[in-house]
Amino acid sequence: MKPSHLPRYTDIAKLLLTHRGAFESGVENVDDNDAATKDARQLADDLEAMGPTFVKLGQLLSTRADVLPPIYLNTLKRLQDHVKPVPYVDIQRIVNAELGVRVSKAFSEFSERPAAAASLGQVHRAALRDGRPVAVKVQRPDIRGQIVEDMEVIDELATFVDKHTETGRRYEFATMVEEFRVSLMAELDYRAEARNLTVIHDNLAEYERIVVPLPVADYSTSLVLTMDWVQGRALGSLGPLDRLDLDGHDLAEDLFRAYLDQILLDGIFHADPHPGNILLMDDGRLALIDMGMVARVSGAIQDALIKLLLALSEGRGADAADVLAGLGEHLADFDIDALRRSVDDVVGRSLTLAVEDLQAGSLIGEVLRAAGEAGLRPPGELTMIGKAMLNLDEVARILDPTFEPNATIQRHIEQLMHKKMLRSASPGNLLASAMEVKEFAEKFPGRVNKVMDALAEGQLTLNVQGIDEKELMRGIQKLANRVTTGVVVAALVIGAALIMPIDVKPKLLGYPALALALFLLAALAAGWLLISIVLSDVPQLHSRLRRRRRPRSRR
């Protein structure tokens, strides 16, 4: 730990000591009472007062249902980073430096008053020289240096906690902090956000009610992002009268389906869809803004998530637990039976909820909490999905309190699987498959030659698993005994036949006694061999025949 970080260590220590009950009591041991509610709100206020890094950290903690109790999650997920605006002179200086031209030359209009101000940057309304209305997002000055220093402090403390506490060894806070650092640093690069806007805009092109503004590449850098202006109001600011004219059910349905497509089909999704980041446009459509925080999902996890969401929506708790167990990391105390019981109980309780109380994000949060208690560490992608779904729950309640997420999942999964099959049959995938077949055909003769050469040189080895070695050795030994007995019998018969025409004494019945003795020994050995075969092999043969005939007799 660095002495220069001592003031920040002190601030974090005070925060942890003040709210230690949230982290030490366990997620199930904090009651939803006035004291807990007050402490949760104070935690959000304290994080906001500590600066933008800790505001973002609070938003991350709002996704960890396995770390914090529900009352804290519900408070932190509403944590917004509204701060005092940066003076226009500083904004003007940054835009001039980044674009290499004065604001008055680059834009025909540029509002000095910000349309929105957040902890990382603020947005100004402007217009290009051709009159196109745009939003210009400008990063706050010197914010990157502050965040880098704060992340060093948080990483040092997380590493210390992991090494010296049982809680740290269980949750591995250093790994969580590293994921947070990567996500936050990506959010500071507005070029990455511009790419996210373009990708998600293209992916959601089929949804007519969903709008994603496009960036203006020539007017965007790592510190300045220029994009289409969206005229509308944040959903969180709508009052009850504003909602009366909404086509709420269809908007909620389309929004939910769009996120299922992002997560389970496209593999990249807007990870922060809180009501402040979704605008109701003047024409009745919804606009998704602020694409700085996105998450990616691999194809293998997508397939598992489809099974998980279907199991949860259909009330199959044990099946959902098994899928979850295959996704997460098993800790030393992992208990699959406890996980199945807990998830089954969570899913069973969700089936008894009224429509207005049924929420997909809350259900996923409770499942993740059950996983943590059973000794399973869920993957990072699943916690980000839980965060997105929790925010969507709040958005859905604003649009349509009677919206049923489970019904939408069950209806849309079939269409989603059809889309996945069509994508797998696309020319690009077919070309990739054809290249693999071509490569296999080219290498096949060479591989066969290698096998034949190894076989000819006696270097071919087979590695066979799943065989009962003791039983195999008994069978080989029995076979060797019988082969040896047969060879001995043959030798005795041949020896007796060779001795028979020789005139040697003593004789028995006119034949050499030694030849007759050899014939007798051969007969006894052959008889013993036949008797052993009858006593051991024939019953086994009859038993196999009976087993084969038994199903037929039942039919």
Protein backbone atom coordinates (compact mmCIF):
# COMPACT_ATOMS: atom_id res chain seq x y z
CA MET A 1 0.00 0.00 0.00
CA LYS A 2 1.21 3.49 -0.91
CA PRO A 3 1.49 6.32 1.68
CA SER A 4 0.16 8.79 -0.91
CA HIS A 5 -3.13 6.89 -0.91
CA LEU A 6 -3.62 7.24 2.86
CA PRO A 7 -6.46 9.83 2.63
CA ARG A 8 -8.38 7.57 0.25
CA TYR A 9 -7.74 4.53 2.49
CA THR A 10 -9.25 6.53 5.34
CA ASP A 11 -12.37 7.42 3.32
CA ILE A 12 -12.94 3.81 2.29
CA ALA A 13 -12.31 2.52 5.82
CA LYS A 14 -14.92 4.94 7.17
CA LEU A 15 -17.37 3.80 4.49
CA LEU A 16 -16.86 0.11 5.31
CA LEU A 17 -17.07 0.64 9.06
CA THR A 18 -20.21 2.76 8.77
CA HIS A 19 -21.99 0.21 6.57
CA ARG A 20 -20.29 -2.99 7.74
CA GLY A 21 -23.68 -4.57 8.50
CA ALA A 22 -24.50 -4.68 4.80
CA PHE A 23 -21.38 -6.73 4.02
CA GLU A 24 -20.98 -8.88 7.15
CA SER A 25 -24.50 -10.00 8.05
CA GLY A 26 -25.12 -12.08 4.95
CA VAL A 27 -27.69 -11.48 2.26
CA GLU A 28 -30.47 -13.29 4.10
CA ASN A 29 -29.87 -11.81 7.55
CA VAL A 30 -30.78 -8.17 6.88
CA ASP A 31 -34.44 -7.38 7.39
CA ASP A 32 -36.26 -4.93 5.16
CA ASN A 33 -36.95 -2.43 7.95
CA ASP A 34 -36.61 1.33 8.47
CA ALA A 35 -33.06 1.07 9.84
CA ALA A 36 -31.83 -1.00 6.89
CA THR A 37 -33.57 1.31 4.41
CA LYS A 38 -31.97 4.36 6.02
CA ASP A 39 -28.51 2.74 5.97
CA ALA A 40 -28.93 1.70 2.31
CA ARG A 41 -29.84 5.25 1.31
CA GLN A 42 -26.90 6.61 3.30
CA LEU A 43 -24.57 4.15 1.54
CA ALA A 44 -25.72 5.47 -1.84
CA ASP A 45 -25.23 9.08 -0.66
CA ASP A 46 -21.74 8.32 0.70
CA LEU A 47 -20.67 6.64 -2.54
CA GLU A 48 -21.94 9.60 -4.54
CA ALA A 49 -20.01 12.01 -2.32
CA MET A 50 -16.76 10.08 -2.88
CA GLY A 51 -16.76 10.78 -6.61
CA PRO A 52 -17.47 9.20 -10.00
CA THR A 53 -15.41 6.04 -9.44
CA PHE A 54 -17.44 5.12 -6.38
CA VAL A 55 -20.72 6.02 -8.07
CA LYS A 56 -19.83 3.46 -10.75
CA LEU A 57 -18.72 1.01 -8.05
CA GLY A 58 -22.12 1.37 -6.38
CA GLN A 59 -23.80 0.62 -9.70
CA LEU A 60 -21.66 -2.52 -9.99
CA LEU A 61 -22.53 -3.61 -6.45
CA SER A 62 -26.21 -3.27 -7.35
CA THR A 63 -25.73 -6.33 -9.62
CA ARG A 64 -24.20 -8.56 -6.92
CA ALA A 65 -27.18 -10.25 -5.32
CA ASP A 66 -24.74 -12.81 -3.87
CA VAL A 67 -22.87 -10.09 -1.92
CA LEU A 68 -25.45 -7.53 -0.73
CA PRO A 69 -28.96 -7.90 0.75
CA PRO A 70 -31.96 -6.98 -1.46
CA ILE A 71 -32.71 -3.71 0.35
CA TYR A 72 -29.24 -2.42 -0.61
CA LEU A 73 -29.51 -3.66 -4.19
CA ASN A 74 -32.79 -1.84 -4.69
CA THR A 75 -31.28 1.41 -3.44
CA LEU A 76 -27.96 1.20 -5.30
CA LYS A 77 -29.55 0.32 -8.64
CA ARG A 78 -31.26 3.74 -8.53
CA LEU A 79 -27.91 5.44 -7.91
CA GLN A 80 -27.52 8.09 -10.60
CA ASP A 81 -24.42 10.14 -11.28
CA HIS A 82 -25.89 13.64 -11.67
CA VAL A 83 -23.26 16.20 -10.70
CA LYS A 84 -22.51 19.88 -11.06
CA PRO A 85 -21.86 20.83 -14.73
CA VAL A 86 -18.41 21.69 -16.03
CA PRO A 87 -18.04 25.39 -17.00
CA TYR A 88 -18.58 25.98 -20.71
CA VAL A 89 -15.09 27.45 -21.14
CA ASP A 90 -13.58 24.08 -20.20
CA ILE A 91 -15.95 22.23 -22.54
CA GLN A 92 -15.03 24.60 -25.37
CA ARG A 93 -11.32 24.06 -24.73
CA ILE A 94 -11.65 20.24 -24.84
CA VAL A 95 -13.74 20.26 -28.04
CA ASN A 96 -11.31 22.63 -29.77
CA ALA A 97 -8.33 20.45 -28.85
CA GLU A 98 -9.97 17.15 -29.76
CA LEU A 99 -11.53 18.18 -33.08
CA GLY A 100 -8.63 20.40 -34.10
CA VAL A 101 -10.98 23.24 -34.97
CA ARG A 102 -12.92 25.87 -33.07
CA VAL A 103 -16.44 25.03 -31.91
CA SER A 104 -17.85 27.87 -34.01
CA LYS A 105 -16.25 26.40 -37.15
CA ALA A 106 -17.28 22.78 -36.52
CA PHE A 107 -20.89 23.50 -35.53
CA SER A 108 -23.47 25.98 -36.71
CA GLU A 109 -25.02 25.90 -33.21
CA PHE A 110 -23.64 24.79 -29.84
CA SER A 111 -25.62 25.31 -26.63
CA GLU A 112 -23.53 26.58 -23.75
CA ARG A 113 -25.99 25.11 -21.28
CA PRO A 114 -25.65 21.29 -20.94
CA ALA A 115 -28.66 19.10 -21.62
CA ALA A 116 -27.36 16.57 -19.08
CA ALA A 117 -24.38 16.35 -16.70
CA ALA A 118 -23.00 13.11 -15.28
CA SER A 119 -19.89 12.07 -13.35
CA LEU A 120 -17.84 11.15 -16.43
CA GLY A 121 -19.09 13.71 -18.94
CA GLN A 122 -21.87 16.02 -20.01
CA VAL A 123 -24.01 16.47 -23.12
CA HIS A 124 -24.61 19.64 -25.12
CA ARG A 125 -27.11 20.12 -27.90
CA ALA A 126 -25.59 21.33 -31.18
CA ALA A 127 -26.05 21.32 -34.95
CA LEU A 128 -23.62 20.48 -37.74
CA ARG A 129 -22.86 22.91 -40.52
CA ASP A 130 -25.52 21.23 -42.68
CA GLY A 131 -28.16 21.77 -39.97
CA ARG A 132 -28.23 18.15 -38.68
CA PRO A 133 -29.15 18.26 -34.95
CA VAL A 134 -26.64 16.38 -32.80
CA ALA A 135 -25.76 15.71 -29.19
CA VAL A 136 -22.12 16.34 -28.23
CA LYS A 137 -20.90 14.35 -25.25
CA VAL A 138 -17.72 15.77 -23.71
CA GLN A 139 -15.63 14.04 -21.04
CA ARG A 140 -14.99 15.97 -17.84
CA PRO A 141 -11.43 17.37 -17.62
CA ASP A 142 -8.84 15.34 -15.68
CA ILE A 143 -11.41 12.66 -14.82
CA ARG A 144 -9.25 9.83 -16.20
CA GLY A 145 -6.36 10.53 -13.78
CA GLN A 146 -8.70 10.58 -10.80
CA ILE A 147 -10.30 7.28 -11.80
CA VAL A 148 -6.93 5.58 -12.39
CA GLU A 149 -5.73 6.61 -8.91
CA ASP A 150 -9.01 5.54 -7.27
CA MET A 151 -8.81 2.16 -9.01
CA GLU A 152 -5.28 1.63 -7.67
CA VAL A 153 -6.55 2.23 -4.14
CA ILE A 154 -9.56 -0.06 -4.58
CA ASP A 155 -7.39 -2.81 -6.10
CA GLU A 156 -4.88 -2.63 -3.23
CA LEU A 157 -7.63 -2.90 -0.63
CA ALA A 158 -9.39 -5.72 -2.49
CA THR A 159 -6.14 -7.71 -2.69
CA PHE A 160 -5.55 -7.15 1.04
CA VAL A 161 -9.08 -8.28 1.93
CA ASP A 162 -8.78 -11.38 -0.29
CA LYS A 163 -5.55 -12.44 1.44
CA HIS A 164 -6.59 -11.80 5.04
CA THR A 165 -10.33 -12.46 5.34
CA GLU A 166 -12.60 -15.43 4.76
CA THR A 167 -15.12 -13.20 2.96
CA GLY A 168 -12.41 -12.09 0.54
CA ARG A 169 -11.32 -15.66 -0.16
CA ARG A 170 -14.92 -16.60 -0.87
CA TYR A 171 -15.82 -13.76 -3.22
CA GLU A 172 -12.37 -12.86 -4.65
CA PHE A 173 -12.92 -9.11 -4.67
CA ALA A 174 -9.69 -8.51 -6.60
CA THR A 175 -11.11 -10.37 -9.61
CA MET A 176 -14.33 -8.37 -9.34
CA VAL A 177 -12.35 -5.12 -9.16
CA GLU A 178 -10.33 -6.02 -12.25
CA GLU A 179 -13.52 -6.64 -14.25
CA PHE A 180 -14.84 -3.30 -12.98
CA ARG A 181 -11.61 -1.52 -13.96
CA VAL A 182 -11.70 -2.89 -17.51
CA SER A 183 -15.36 -1.89 -17.89
CA LEU A 184 -14.81 1.60 -16.48
CA MET A 185 -11.73 2.32 -18.61
CA ALA A 186 -13.66 1.23 -21.71
CA GLU A 187 -16.42 3.64 -20.72
CA LEU A 188 -13.86 6.47 -20.72
CA ASP A 189 -13.05 5.82 -24.38
CA TYR A 190 -15.83 7.44 -26.41
CA ARG A 191 -14.57 5.77 -29.59
CA ALA A 192 -15.61 2.44 -28.08
CA GLU A 193 -19.04 3.89 -27.25
CA ALA A 194 -19.36 5.09 -30.86
CA ARG A 195 -18.72 1.53 -32.06
CA ASN A 196 -21.26 0.21 -29.57
CA LEU A 197 -23.88 2.64 -30.87
CA THR A 198 -23.32 1.51 -34.47
CA VAL A 199 -23.35 -2.22 -33.65
CA ILE A 200 -26.48 -2.14 -31.48
CA HIS A 201 -28.24 0.21 -33.93
CA ASP A 202 -27.68 -2.34 -36.71
CA ASN A 203 -28.66 -5.30 -34.51
CA LEU A 204 -31.98 -3.71 -33.51
CA ALA A 205 -32.85 -2.36 -36.96
CA GLU A 206 -35.93 -4.61 -37.22
CA TYR A 207 -37.53 -3.03 -34.12
CA GLU A 208 -39.44 -0.01 -35.41
CA ARG A 209 -40.32 1.24 -31.92
CA ILE A 210 -36.69 1.14 -30.70
CA VAL A 211 -34.20 3.85 -31.74
CA VAL A 212 -30.44 3.90 -31.19
CA PRO A 213 -28.74 7.19 -32.24
CA LEU A 214 -25.87 6.88 -34.71
CA PRO A 215 -22.48 8.55 -34.07
CA VAL A 216 -20.86 11.12 -36.36
CA ALA A 217 -17.43 9.58 -36.93
CA ASP A 218 -15.63 12.73 -38.11
CA TYR A 219 -16.73 14.62 -35.01
CA SER A 220 -15.89 11.89 -32.45
CA THR A 221 -12.68 11.15 -30.53
CA SER A 222 -11.76 9.40 -27.29
CA LEU A 223 -12.95 12.48 -25.30
CA VAL A 224 -15.72 13.84 -27.56
CA LEU A 225 -18.66 11.86 -28.95
CA THR A 226 -21.04 13.44 -31.44
CA MET A 227 -24.24 11.54 -32.24
CA ASP A 228 -27.79 12.09 -33.48
CA TRP A 229 -29.93 14.27 -31.24
CA VAL A 230 -32.93 12.41 -29.79
CA GLN A 231 -35.87 14.60 -28.87
CA GLY A 232 -37.65 13.09 -25.89
CA ARG A 233 -37.92 12.74 -22.14
CA ALA A 234 -36.37 10.19 -19.83
CA LEU A 235 -38.86 7.53 -18.71
CA GLY A 236 -37.94 8.23 -15.10
CA SER A 237 -39.28 11.78 -15.41
CA LEU A 238 -42.75 10.80 -16.69
CA GLY A 239 -45.71 11.43 -14.44
CA PRO A 240 -48.93 9.38 -14.18
CA LEU A 241 -50.77 11.61 -16.68
CA ASP A 242 -47.94 11.26 -19.23
CA ARG A 243 -48.32 7.49 -19.15
CA LEU A 244 -52.01 7.51 -20.05
CA ASP A 245 -51.34 8.17 -23.73
CA LEU A 246 -48.59 5.53 -23.95
CA ASP A 247 -48.92 2.31 -25.91
CA GLY A 248 -47.25 0.83 -22.86
CA HIS A 249 -47.74 -2.90 -23.40
CA ASP A 250 -46.39 -2.98 -26.95
CA LEU A 251 -43.44 -0.76 -26.02
CA ALA A 252 -42.56 -2.98 -23.05
CA GLU A 253 -42.95 -6.11 -25.20
CA ASP A 254 -40.67 -4.77 -27.93
CA LEU A 255 -38.09 -3.51 -25.46
CA PHE A 256 -37.96 -6.83 -23.62
CA ARG A 257 -37.69 -8.80 -26.87
CA ALA A 258 -34.96 -6.45 -28.09
CA TYR A 259 -32.91 -7.19 -24.97
CA LEU A 260 -33.44 -10.93 -25.33
CA ASP A 261 -32.09 -10.63 -28.88
CA GLN A 262 -29.11 -8.58 -27.70
CA ILE A 263 -28.22 -11.06 -24.97
CA LEU A 264 -29.08 -14.43 -26.52
CA LEU A 265 -28.56 -13.78 -30.22
CA ASP A 266 -26.17 -10.86 -30.83
CA GLY A 267 -23.89 -11.47 -27.85
CA ILE A 268 -23.56 -7.75 -27.02
CA PHE A 269 -26.11 -5.77 -25.02
CA HIS A 270 -26.70 -2.37 -23.43
CA ALA A 271 -25.90 -3.14 -19.80
CA ASP A 272 -27.31 0.01 -18.18
CA PRO A 273 -30.96 0.45 -19.32
CA HIS A 274 -32.18 2.39 -16.29
CA PRO A 275 -35.12 4.81 -16.79
CA GLY A 276 -32.72 7.73 -17.23
CA ASN A 277 -31.03 6.05 -20.20
CA ILE A 278 -34.27 5.28 -22.07
CA LEU A 279 -36.10 8.21 -23.62
CA LEU A 280 -39.70 8.43 -24.73
CA MET A 281 -39.48 10.26 -28.03
CA ASP A 282 -42.07 12.79 -29.18
CA ASP A 283 -43.30 10.32 -31.83
CA GLY A 284 -43.98 7.58 -29.23
CA ARG A 285 -40.86 5.48 -29.84
CA LEU A 286 -38.20 4.54 -27.27
CA ALA A 287 -34.56 5.62 -27.64
CA LEU A 288 -31.63 3.82 -25.97
CA ILE A 289 -28.81 6.20 -25.07
CA ASP A 290 -25.48 6.07 -23.19
CA MET A 291 -23.85 2.95 -24.66
CA GLY A 292 -20.66 3.33 -22.65
CA MET A 293 -21.47 0.27 -20.54
CA VAL A 294 -22.05 -2.82 -22.64
CA ALA A 295 -21.47 -6.51 -21.91
CA ARG A 296 -20.63 -9.41 -24.19
CA VAL A 297 -21.89 -12.99 -24.04
CA SER A 298 -20.15 -15.93 -25.74
CA GLY A 299 -22.06 -18.41 -27.88
CA ALA A 300 -21.69 -21.25 -25.36
CA ILE A 301 -23.08 -19.11 -22.52
CA GLN A 302 -25.92 -17.92 -24.78
CA ASP A 303 -27.11 -21.52 -25.27
CA ALA A 304 -26.94 -22.19 -21.53
CA LEU A 305 -28.81 -18.94 -20.79
CA ILE A 306 -31.62 -19.94 -23.14
CA LYS A 307 -32.05 -23.15 -21.14
CA LEU A 308 -31.86 -21.22 -17.87
CA LEU A 309 -34.45 -18.59 -18.85
CA LEU A 310 -36.82 -21.23 -20.22
CA ALA A 311 -36.52 -23.30 -17.03
CA LEU A 312 -37.18 -20.22 -14.86
CA SER A 313 -40.13 -19.02 -16.94
CA GLU A 314 -41.70 -22.50 -16.95
CA GLY A 315 -41.24 -23.04 -13.21
CA ARG A 316 -38.62 -25.84 -13.46
CA GLY A 317 -36.41 -24.86 -10.56
CA ALA A 318 -34.26 -28.01 -10.38
CA ASP A 319 -33.47 -27.82 -14.10
CA ALA A 320 -32.55 -24.14 -13.72
CA ALA A 321 -30.21 -25.04 -10.84
CA ASP A 322 -28.46 -27.68 -12.94
CA VAL A 323 -27.91 -25.21 -15.78
CA LEU A 324 -26.63 -22.61 -13.33
CA ALA A 325 -24.24 -25.14 -11.78
CA GLY A 326 -22.75 -25.76 -15.21
CA LEU A 327 -22.21 -22.02 -15.76
CA GLY A 328 -20.62 -20.97 -12.47
CA GLU A 329 -17.43 -21.73 -10.57
CA HIS A 330 -17.73 -24.34 -7.80
CA LEU A 331 -16.24 -23.22 -4.49
CA ALA A 332 -14.94 -25.64 -1.85
CA ASP A 333 -18.30 -25.76 -0.04
CA PHE A 334 -20.47 -26.06 -3.16
CA ASP A 335 -23.65 -28.08 -2.49
CA ILE A 336 -25.69 -28.97 -5.59
CA ASP A 337 -28.59 -30.32 -3.53
CA ALA A 338 -28.84 -27.09 -1.53
CA LEU A 339 -28.74 -25.12 -4.79
CA ARG A 340 -31.58 -27.18 -6.28
CA ARG A 341 -33.71 -26.76 -3.16
CA SER A 342 -33.12 -23.00 -3.00
CA VAL A 343 -33.75 -22.33 -6.69
CA ASP A 344 -36.81 -24.56 -6.66
CA ASP A 345 -38.15 -22.59 -3.69
CA VAL A 346 -37.45 -19.25 -5.41
CA VAL A 347 -39.13 -20.35 -8.64
CA GLY A 348 -42.07 -21.84 -6.75
CA ARG A 349 -42.68 -18.58 -4.91
CA SER A 350 -42.52 -16.62 -8.17
CA LEU A 351 -45.35 -18.73 -9.61
CA THR A 352 -47.70 -17.50 -6.87
CA LEU A 353 -47.00 -13.80 -7.46
CA ALA A 354 -49.57 -11.51 -9.02
CA VAL A 355 -48.82 -10.28 -12.54
CA GLU A 356 -47.87 -6.78 -11.37
CA ASP A 357 -45.36 -8.25 -8.86
CA LEU A 358 -43.68 -10.69 -11.28
CA GLN A 359 -40.27 -9.35 -12.36
CA ALA A 360 -37.62 -11.16 -14.42
CA GLY A 361 -34.71 -9.18 -12.97
CA SER A 362 -35.73 -9.79 -9.37
CA LEU A 363 -36.10 -13.51 -10.10
CA ILE A 364 -32.60 -13.69 -11.57
CA GLY A 365 -31.28 -11.71 -8.59
CA GLU A 366 -32.78 -14.20 -6.12
CA VAL A 367 -31.40 -17.13 -8.12
CA LEU A 368 -27.92 -15.57 -8.04
CA ARG A 369 -28.28 -15.05 -4.29
CA ALA A 370 -29.18 -18.73 -3.88
CA ALA A 371 -26.13 -19.66 -5.94
CA GLY A 372 -23.82 -17.64 -3.68
CA GLU A 373 -25.24 -19.30 -0.54
CA ALA A 374 -24.75 -22.76 -2.08
CA GLY A 375 -21.07 -22.11 -2.80
CA LEU A 376 -21.39 -21.28 -6.50
CA ARG A 377 -19.75 -18.18 -7.97
CA PRO A 378 -21.84 -17.09 -10.98
CA PRO A 379 -20.09 -15.88 -14.14
CA GLY A 380 -19.62 -12.15 -14.65
CA GLU A 381 -21.87 -12.16 -17.71
CA LEU A 382 -24.78 -13.42 -15.63
CA THR A 383 -24.39 -10.67 -13.02
CA MET A 384 -24.42 -8.04 -15.80
CA ILE A 385 -27.55 -9.65 -17.27
CA GLY A 386 -29.11 -9.54 -13.81
CA LYS A 387 -28.30 -5.81 -13.58
CA ALA A 388 -29.83 -5.13 -17.00
CA MET A 389 -32.96 -7.13 -16.15
CA LEU A 390 -33.36 -5.34 -12.82
CA ASN A 391 -33.35 -2.03 -14.66
CA LEU A 392 -35.79 -3.40 -17.24
CA ASP A 393 -38.15 -4.39 -14.42
CA GLU A 394 -38.37 -0.75 -13.41
CA VAL A 395 -38.82 0.39 -17.02
CA ALA A 396 -41.56 -2.21 -17.59
CA ARG A 397 -43.45 -1.01 -14.49
CA ILE A 398 -43.40 2.52 -15.91
CA LEU A 399 -44.62 1.42 -19.34
CA ASP A 400 -47.11 -1.26 -18.28
CA PRO A 401 -47.51 -2.48 -14.67
CA THR A 402 -49.30 -5.63 -15.92
CA PHE A 403 -46.49 -6.69 -18.27
CA GLU A 404 -45.65 -10.44 -17.98
CA PRO A 405 -41.95 -11.10 -18.68
CA ASN A 406 -42.26 -14.91 -18.44
CA ALA A 407 -44.92 -15.00 -21.14
CA THR A 408 -42.73 -12.84 -23.40
CA ILE A 409 -39.74 -15.14 -22.85
CA GLN A 410 -41.72 -18.25 -23.73
CA ARG A 411 -43.21 -16.63 -26.85
CA HIS A 412 -39.99 -15.11 -28.10
CA ILE A 413 -37.56 -18.01 -27.49
CA GLU A 414 -39.00 -19.95 -30.46
CA GLN A 415 -38.48 -16.96 -32.78
CA LEU A 416 -35.04 -16.40 -31.33
CA MET A 417 -34.00 -20.02 -31.97
CA HIS A 418 -35.26 -19.68 -35.55
CA LYS A 419 -33.05 -16.60 -35.99
CA LYS A 420 -30.04 -18.47 -34.56
CA MET A 421 -30.57 -21.32 -37.03
CA LEU A 422 -30.83 -18.88 -39.93
CA ARG A 423 -27.60 -17.21 -38.84
CA SER A 424 -25.85 -20.57 -38.59
CA ALA A 425 -26.96 -21.23 -42.20
CA SER A 426 -25.73 -17.85 -43.44
CA PRO A 427 -23.18 -17.76 -46.29
CA GLY A 428 -20.41 -16.77 -43.91
CA ASN A 429 -21.00 -19.76 -41.61
CA LEU A 430 -21.47 -22.10 -44.55
CA LEU A 431 -18.20 -20.85 -46.02
CA ALA A 432 -16.44 -21.46 -42.69
CA SER A 433 -17.87 -25.00 -42.58
CA ALA A 434 -16.79 -25.58 -46.18
CA MET A 435 -13.26 -24.45 -45.31
CA GLU A 436 -13.16 -26.90 -42.40
CA VAL A 437 -14.31 -29.73 -44.68
CA LYS A 438 -11.68 -28.73 -47.25
CA GLU A 439 -8.97 -28.72 -44.58
CA PHE A 440 -10.11 -32.14 -43.33
CA ALA A 441 -10.08 -33.59 -46.86
CA GLU A 442 -6.60 -32.23 -47.51
CA LYS A 443 -5.10 -33.58 -44.30
CA PHE A 444 -6.95 -36.92 -44.22
CA PRO A 445 -4.55 -38.92 -46.54
CA GLY A 446 -1.51 -37.72 -44.59
CA ARG A 447 -3.09 -38.70 -41.27
CA VAL A 448 -3.97 -42.17 -42.61
CA ASN A 449 -0.37 -42.63 -43.81
CA LYS A 450 0.92 -41.74 -40.34
CA VAL A 451 -1.38 -44.32 -38.74
CA MET A 452 -0.36 -47.04 -41.23
CA ASP A 453 3.36 -46.27 -40.76
CA ALA A 454 2.99 -46.47 -36.99
CA LEU A 455 1.11 -49.78 -37.34
CA ALA A 456 3.79 -51.23 -39.63
CA GLU A 457 6.60 -50.18 -37.28
CA GLY A 458 4.82 -51.50 -34.21
CA GLN A 459 4.48 -48.04 -32.69
CA LEU A 460 0.69 -47.78 -32.75
CA THR A 461 -0.82 -47.55 -29.28
CA LEU A 462 -4.45 -47.44 -28.23
CA ASN A 463 -5.64 -45.59 -25.16
CA VAL A 464 -8.94 -47.16 -24.11
CA GLN A 465 -10.80 -45.88 -21.04
CA GLY A 466 -13.83 -47.13 -19.21
CA ILE A 467 -12.77 -50.85 -19.13
CA ASP A 468 -12.85 -53.14 -16.08
CA GLU A 469 -9.18 -54.13 -16.04
CA LYS A 470 -9.58 -56.99 -13.54
CA GLU A 471 -12.36 -58.61 -15.53
CA LEU A 472 -10.37 -58.14 -18.73
CA MET A 473 -7.31 -59.85 -17.20
CA ARG A 474 -9.43 -62.77 -15.94
CA GLY A 475 -10.81 -63.25 -19.44
CA ILE A 476 -7.36 -63.12 -21.02
CA GLN A 477 -6.00 -65.58 -18.45
CA LYS A 478 -8.86 -68.02 -19.10
CA LEU A 479 -8.26 -67.80 -22.81
CA ALA A 480 -4.53 -68.36 -22.37
CA ASN A 481 -5.16 -71.44 -20.22
CA ARG A 482 -7.44 -72.95 -22.81
CA VAL A 483 -5.08 -72.22 -25.66
CA THR A 484 -2.21 -73.77 -23.68
CA THR A 485 -4.31 -76.87 -22.90
CA GLY A 486 -5.20 -77.22 -26.56
CA VAL A 487 -1.53 -76.99 -27.58
CA VAL A 488 -0.57 -79.62 -24.96
CA VAL A 489 -3.34 -81.96 -26.18
CA ALA A 490 -2.18 -81.54 -29.76
CA ALA A 491 1.45 -82.22 -28.74
CA LEU A 492 0.43 -85.38 -26.87
CA VAL A 493 -1.57 -86.68 -29.82
CA ILE A 494 1.24 -85.97 -32.29
CA GLY A 495 3.84 -87.53 -30.00
CA ALA A 496 1.72 -90.65 -29.51
CA ALA A 497 1.16 -90.95 -33.26
CA LEU A 498 4.91 -90.74 -33.94
CA ILE A 499 5.72 -93.40 -31.33
CA MET A 500 2.97 -95.79 -32.45
CA PRO A 501 4.79 -97.39 -35.48
CA ILE A 502 8.08 -97.81 -33.57
CA ASP A 503 8.83 -101.26 -32.20
CA VAL A 504 9.59 -100.44 -28.60
CA LYS A 505 8.85 -102.18 -25.36
CA PRO A 506 6.92 -102.48 -23.15
CA LYS A 507 3.79 -103.02 -25.22
CA LEU A 508 0.12 -103.06 -24.31
CA LEU A 509 -2.47 -104.75 -26.53
CA GLY A 510 0.23 -104.94 -29.22
CA TYR A 511 0.99 -101.21 -29.17
CA PRO A 512 3.77 -99.30 -27.45
CA ALA A 513 2.65 -98.56 -23.90
CA LEU A 514 4.14 -95.02 -24.03
CA ALA A 515 2.04 -94.14 -27.08
CA LEU A 516 -1.12 -95.37 -25.38
CA ALA A 517 -0.25 -93.40 -22.23
CA LEU A 518 0.19 -90.22 -24.29
CA PHE A 519 -3.19 -90.81 -26.02
CA LEU A 520 -4.83 -91.29 -22.61
CA LEU A 521 -3.34 -88.08 -21.22
CA ALA A 522 -4.49 -86.20 -24.35
CA ALA A 523 -8.00 -87.62 -23.96
CA LEU A 524 -8.16 -86.61 -20.27
CA ALA A 525 -6.92 -83.11 -21.04
CA ALA A 526 -9.39 -82.69 -23.92
CA GLY A 527 -12.21 -83.97 -21.71
CA TRP A 528 -11.30 -81.52 -18.96
CA LEU A 529 -11.26 -78.70 -21.50
CA LEU A 530 -14.70 -79.62 -22.86
CA ILE A 531 -16.20 -79.98 -19.37
CA SER A 532 -14.89 -76.53 -18.31
CA ILE A 533 -16.36 -74.99 -21.45
CA VAL A 534 -19.74 -76.60 -20.83
CA LEU A 535 -19.79 -75.61 -17.15
CA SER A 536 -18.71 -71.96 -17.63
CA ASP A 537 -19.49 -70.72 -21.12
CA VAL A 538 -22.79 -72.45 -21.96
CA PRO A 539 -24.71 -71.03 -18.93
CA GLN A 540 -23.46 -67.56 -19.81
CA LEU A 541 -24.64 -68.06 -23.39
CA HIS A 542 -28.09 -69.17 -22.21
CA SER A 543 -28.28 -66.17 -19.87
CA ARG A 544 -27.54 -63.78 -22.71
CA LEU A 545 -30.14 -65.43 -24.93
CA ARG A 546 -32.77 -65.14 -22.19
CA ARG A 547 -31.99 -61.44 -21.73
CA ARG A 548 -32.41 -60.87 -25.45
CA ARG A 549 -35.68 -62.80 -25.62
CA ARG A 550 -37.25 -61.29 -22.51
CA PRO A 551 -38.33 -57.95 -24.11
CA ARG A 552 -39.91 -59.81 -26.99
CA SER A 553 -41.99 -62.01 -24.69
CA ARG A 554 -43.28 -58.88 -22.94
CA ARG A 555 -44.48 -57.44 -26.19
